[in-house]
């Protein structure tokens, strides 16, 4: 394939997914906004008024980065896993894609592209909603870091969702991972608290949670504060992304579990 043909193939896959998600925005965007609003009400307004501050920062401001990250994680993962699963069992178009001249990396980019777009759009919507709970006050220590970690988060969990979509044999197979893996990792990753409030033994367990590095990097972009080094977060997350890219490339390249 020529470079122009590859671009057309990539653009076609992305365009199809983006049109779909905006056409059914009530299902793709609204639930995350409503869920985040409830989090802001309960954890930010009700509990935040009692907690006051966390590490010298107003508690509502402290939880905003984590809740935006939570929305990006769940939506980017769900979008990619469902789209790939539906191409296998509903549309049954995966065979045509596998026998097409598109290289594996292009197929991967086409499938995860929609997840990245949806994750960033939902993150922006949740960030907008947060303004109503922070008194229209939202600070950015470094907007480029916020954007970079937002894209990196959407990329990593779109890649993870693609792995789930490859192996899932039913809708239940897609829902198991978010329910029993992602949800515990998110809540134990430091969205609502600082790691320094935990016992020493629990802090060491938290270091094994990849969500912890995402949330802290994102929080640094907003508030200029983090429980760990920003460079360590970047290194860990880059390694995870590389591993997931390798796994997806192998699965697409070999067609393992994909051919109908």
Protein backbone atom coordinates (compact mmCIF):
# COMPACT_ATOMS: atom_id res chain seq x y z
CA UNK A 1 0.00 0.00 0.00
CA UNK A 2 1.14 3.51 -0.75
CA UNK A 3 1.26 6.18 1.96
CA UNK A 4 -1.89 7.77 0.53
CA UNK A 5 -3.75 4.45 0.56
CA UNK A 6 -2.72 3.85 4.17
CA UNK A 7 -4.00 7.27 5.13
CA UNK A 8 -7.33 6.64 3.40
CA UNK A 9 -7.69 3.29 5.22
CA UNK A 10 -6.87 4.85 8.59
CA UNK A 11 -9.14 7.84 7.98
CA UNK A 12 -12.02 5.59 6.95
CA UNK A 13 -11.80 3.51 10.14
CA UNK A 14 -11.56 6.58 12.36
CA UNK A 15 -14.34 8.43 10.54
CA UNK A 16 -16.72 5.49 10.86
CA UNK A 17 -16.16 5.23 14.62
CA UNK A 18 -16.32 8.96 15.29
CA UNK A 19 -19.55 9.38 13.33
CA UNK A 20 -21.03 6.46 15.26
CA UNK A 21 -20.14 7.86 18.68
CA UNK A 22 -21.49 11.33 17.89
CA UNK A 23 -24.64 9.89 16.37
CA UNK A 24 -25.42 8.01 19.60
CA UNK A 25 -23.96 10.65 21.95
CA UNK A 26 -26.59 9.81 24.57
CA UNK A 27 -24.87 6.44 24.99
CA UNK A 28 -21.24 7.40 24.34
CA UNK A 29 -20.83 10.78 26.07
CA UNK A 30 -23.74 11.50 28.41
CA UNK A 31 -23.31 8.57 30.87
CA UNK A 32 -19.74 9.63 31.74
CA UNK A 33 -20.86 13.22 32.30
CA UNK A 34 -23.70 12.12 34.60
CA UNK A 35 -21.47 9.72 36.54
CA UNK A 36 -18.78 12.35 37.00
CA UNK A 37 -21.38 14.87 38.17
CA UNK A 38 -22.47 12.43 40.87
CA UNK A 39 -18.84 11.92 41.91
CA UNK A 40 -18.36 15.68 42.18
CA UNK A 41 -21.52 16.00 44.25
CA UNK A 42 -20.77 13.16 46.66
CA UNK A 43 -16.99 13.13 46.98
CA UNK A 44 -16.26 16.73 46.14
CA UNK A 45 -19.13 18.73 47.63
CA UNK A 46 -20.38 16.56 50.51
CA UNK A 47 -17.17 14.90 51.68
CA UNK A 48 -14.94 17.70 50.49
CA UNK A 49 -16.65 20.18 52.78
CA UNK A 50 -15.64 17.99 55.74
CA UNK A 51 -12.16 17.08 54.55
CA UNK A 52 -11.29 20.66 53.66
CA UNK A 53 -7.86 20.31 52.06
CA UNK A 54 -5.59 17.54 50.84
CA UNK A 55 -1.88 18.33 50.87
CA UNK A 56 -2.62 22.03 51.15
CA UNK A 57 -5.02 22.06 48.17
CA UNK A 58 -8.79 22.47 48.27
CA UNK A 59 -10.23 18.96 48.14
CA UNK A 60 -12.47 19.70 45.16
CA UNK A 61 -9.48 20.88 43.17
CA UNK A 62 -7.57 17.79 44.31
CA UNK A 63 -10.11 15.27 42.97
CA UNK A 64 -10.76 16.96 39.60
CA UNK A 65 -7.69 15.45 37.83
CA UNK A 66 -8.52 11.98 39.08
CA UNK A 67 -12.15 12.13 38.01
CA UNK A 68 -11.21 13.39 34.55
CA UNK A 69 -8.69 10.55 34.31
CA UNK A 70 -11.35 8.05 35.44
CA UNK A 71 -13.65 9.14 32.60
CA UNK A 72 -10.86 8.84 30.03
CA UNK A 73 -9.86 5.37 31.25
CA UNK A 74 -13.33 3.84 31.21
CA UNK A 75 -14.54 5.34 27.93
CA UNK A 76 -11.41 4.71 25.84
CA UNK A 77 -11.24 1.11 27.07
CA UNK A 78 -14.94 0.42 26.50
CA UNK A 79 -14.98 2.01 23.05
CA UNK A 80 -12.11 -0.03 21.61
CA UNK A 81 -13.07 -3.35 23.19
CA UNK A 82 -16.69 -3.06 22.02
CA UNK A 83 -15.80 -1.90 18.50
CA UNK A 84 -13.41 -4.78 17.95
CA UNK A 85 -15.80 -7.29 19.48
CA UNK A 86 -18.66 -6.05 17.29
CA UNK A 87 -16.49 -6.33 14.18
CA UNK A 88 -15.96 -10.02 15.05
CA UNK A 89 -19.45 -11.12 16.05
CA UNK A 90 -21.94 -8.51 14.85
CA UNK A 91 -20.63 -6.91 11.66
CA UNK A 92 -18.33 -9.91 10.97
CA UNK A 93 -15.92 -7.64 9.12
CA UNK A 94 -12.73 -8.76 10.84
CA UNK A 95 -11.95 -11.40 8.21
CA UNK A 96 -12.02 -8.80 5.45
CA UNK A 97 -9.72 -6.55 7.44
CA UNK A 98 -7.26 -9.37 8.13
CA UNK A 99 -6.96 -10.35 4.47
CA UNK A 100 -6.69 -6.72 3.31
CA UNK A 101 -3.24 -5.30 2.44
CA UNK A 102 -3.35 -3.13 5.58
CA UNK A 103 -0.31 -3.84 7.80
CA UNK A 104 -0.99 -4.88 11.43
CA UNK A 105 0.11 -1.54 12.86
CA UNK A 106 -2.42 0.26 10.69
CA UNK A 107 -5.24 -2.00 11.84
CA UNK A 108 -4.23 -1.35 15.44
CA UNK A 109 -4.12 2.41 14.84
CA UNK A 110 -7.52 2.32 13.16
CA UNK A 111 -9.20 0.49 16.01
CA UNK A 112 -7.63 2.44 18.89
CA UNK A 113 -8.04 5.81 17.17
CA UNK A 114 -11.73 5.98 17.99
CA UNK A 115 -11.04 5.10 21.61
CA UNK A 116 -8.49 7.89 21.89
CA UNK A 117 -10.90 10.42 20.35
CA UNK A 118 -13.76 9.38 22.62
CA UNK A 119 -11.54 9.42 25.70
CA UNK A 120 -10.27 12.94 25.01
CA UNK A 121 -13.75 14.29 24.19
CA UNK A 122 -15.23 12.77 27.36
CA UNK A 123 -12.30 14.06 29.41
CA UNK A 124 -12.91 17.57 28.07
CA UNK A 125 -16.63 17.31 28.90
CA UNK A 126 -15.93 16.18 32.46
CA UNK A 127 -13.39 18.96 32.85
CA UNK A 128 -16.05 21.45 31.75
CA UNK A 129 -18.52 20.01 34.25
CA UNK A 130 -15.94 20.38 37.02
CA UNK A 131 -16.01 24.16 36.55
CA UNK A 132 -19.51 24.26 38.07
CA UNK A 133 -18.17 22.65 41.25
CA UNK A 134 -14.93 24.60 41.58
CA UNK A 135 -16.54 28.02 41.25
CA UNK A 136 -15.33 28.38 37.65
CA UNK A 137 -11.79 28.24 39.00
CA UNK A 138 -9.46 25.70 37.42
CA UNK A 139 -5.71 26.03 37.46
CA UNK A 140 -3.19 24.47 35.10
CA UNK A 141 0.36 24.13 36.29
CA UNK A 142 1.34 22.87 32.84
CA UNK A 143 -1.36 22.45 30.18
CA UNK A 144 0.97 20.46 27.91
CA UNK A 145 1.49 17.84 30.62
CA UNK A 146 -2.28 17.63 31.13
CA UNK A 147 -2.82 17.12 27.40
CA UNK A 148 0.08 14.67 27.11
CA UNK A 149 -1.07 12.47 29.98
CA UNK A 150 -4.65 12.64 28.75
CA UNK A 151 -3.64 11.33 25.33
CA UNK A 152 -1.28 8.75 26.86
CA UNK A 153 -4.06 7.49 29.12
CA UNK A 154 -6.51 7.17 26.23
CA UNK A 155 -3.84 5.42 24.16
CA UNK A 156 -2.89 2.88 26.84
CA UNK A 157 -6.45 1.90 27.67
CA UNK A 158 -7.50 1.81 24.04
CA UNK A 159 -4.66 -0.68 23.49
CA UNK A 160 -5.76 -2.65 26.56
CA UNK A 161 -9.34 -2.62 25.31
CA UNK A 162 -8.19 -4.00 21.97
CA UNK A 163 -6.56 -6.97 23.70
CA UNK A 164 -9.80 -7.57 25.58
CA UNK A 165 -11.79 -7.29 22.35
CA UNK A 166 -9.59 -9.88 20.66
CA UNK A 167 -10.04 -12.47 23.40
CA UNK A 168 -13.67 -11.76 24.34
CA UNK A 169 -16.10 -14.47 23.26
CA UNK A 170 -19.23 -12.69 24.49
CA UNK A 171 -20.43 -9.36 25.82
CA UNK A 172 -19.77 -10.69 29.31
CA UNK A 173 -16.14 -11.14 28.33
CA UNK A 174 -15.91 -7.41 27.65
CA UNK A 175 -17.57 -6.39 30.90
CA UNK A 176 -15.55 -8.64 33.21
CA UNK A 177 -12.27 -6.70 32.96
CA UNK A 178 -13.73 -3.21 33.62
CA UNK A 179 -15.75 -4.54 36.54
CA UNK A 180 -13.20 -6.72 38.30
CA UNK A 181 -9.90 -5.19 37.20
CA UNK A 182 -10.23 -1.57 36.11
CA UNK A 183 -12.65 -0.44 38.82
CA UNK A 184 -10.49 -1.64 41.76
CA UNK A 185 -7.34 -0.23 40.16
CA UNK A 186 -9.01 3.13 39.63
CA UNK A 187 -10.35 3.49 43.15
CA UNK A 188 -7.07 2.32 44.70
CA UNK A 189 -4.95 4.50 42.42
CA UNK A 190 -5.23 7.74 44.39
CA UNK A 191 -8.16 9.55 42.82
CA UNK A 192 -9.69 10.56 46.14
CA UNK A 193 -6.63 10.59 48.40
CA UNK A 194 -2.88 11.06 48.55
CA UNK A 195 -0.68 8.02 48.95
CA UNK A 196 0.92 9.70 51.98
CA UNK A 197 -2.32 9.23 53.91
CA UNK A 198 -1.93 5.44 53.66
CA UNK A 199 0.04 3.06 55.89
CA UNK A 200 3.57 2.34 54.68
CA UNK A 201 2.77 -1.25 53.64
CA UNK A 202 -0.21 -0.10 51.57
CA UNK A 203 1.90 2.54 49.84
CA UNK A 204 4.20 -0.18 48.50
CA UNK A 205 1.19 -2.07 47.11
CA UNK A 206 -0.02 1.12 45.41
CA UNK A 207 3.26 1.42 43.51
CA UNK A 208 2.27 -1.73 41.58
CA UNK A 209 -0.91 -0.03 40.34
CA UNK A 210 -0.40 1.49 36.86
CA UNK A 211 -3.33 3.87 37.41
CA UNK A 212 -1.37 5.46 40.24
CA UNK A 213 1.25 6.76 37.80
CA UNK A 214 -1.37 8.09 35.40
CA UNK A 215 -3.31 9.94 38.07
CA UNK A 216 -0.22 11.47 39.63
CA UNK A 217 1.14 12.65 36.28
CA UNK A 218 -2.22 14.16 35.43
CA UNK A 219 -2.50 15.82 38.86
CA UNK A 220 0.96 17.31 38.44
CA UNK A 221 -0.17 18.97 35.21
CA UNK A 222 -3.07 20.57 37.06
CA UNK A 223 -1.66 21.36 40.50
CA UNK A 224 2.11 21.06 40.18
CA UNK A 225 2.16 18.37 42.87
CA UNK A 226 2.65 14.62 42.73
CA UNK A 227 3.37 11.74 45.10
CA UNK A 228 6.14 10.46 42.81
CA UNK A 229 8.54 11.76 40.17
CA UNK A 230 6.94 12.84 36.90
CA UNK A 231 9.76 11.15 34.99
CA UNK A 232 9.09 7.86 36.77
CA UNK A 233 5.44 8.09 35.77
CA UNK A 234 6.41 8.73 32.15
CA UNK A 235 8.87 5.81 32.13
CA UNK A 236 6.40 3.32 33.62
CA UNK A 237 3.56 4.37 31.32
CA UNK A 238 5.77 4.35 28.22
CA UNK A 239 6.88 0.81 29.06
CA UNK A 240 3.25 -0.29 29.47
CA UNK A 241 2.31 1.28 26.13
CA UNK A 242 5.20 -0.45 24.34
CA UNK A 243 4.25 -3.83 25.82
CA UNK A 244 0.60 -3.42 24.82
CA UNK A 245 1.56 -2.36 21.30
CA UNK A 246 3.72 -5.49 21.02
CA UNK A 247 0.92 -7.75 22.25
CA UNK A 248 -1.61 -6.23 19.88
CA UNK A 249 0.79 -6.43 16.95
CA UNK A 250 1.39 -10.13 17.63
CA UNK A 251 -2.33 -10.87 17.94
CA UNK A 252 -3.24 -9.02 14.74
CA UNK A 253 -0.20 -10.32 12.84
CA UNK A 254 -0.91 -13.96 13.66
CA UNK A 255 -4.73 -13.67 13.66
CA UNK A 256 -4.76 -15.54 16.95
CA UNK A 257 -8.38 -16.13 17.93
CA UNK A 258 -9.63 -13.76 15.23
CA UNK A 259 -10.36 -15.79 12.13
CA UNK A 260 -13.96 -16.90 11.90
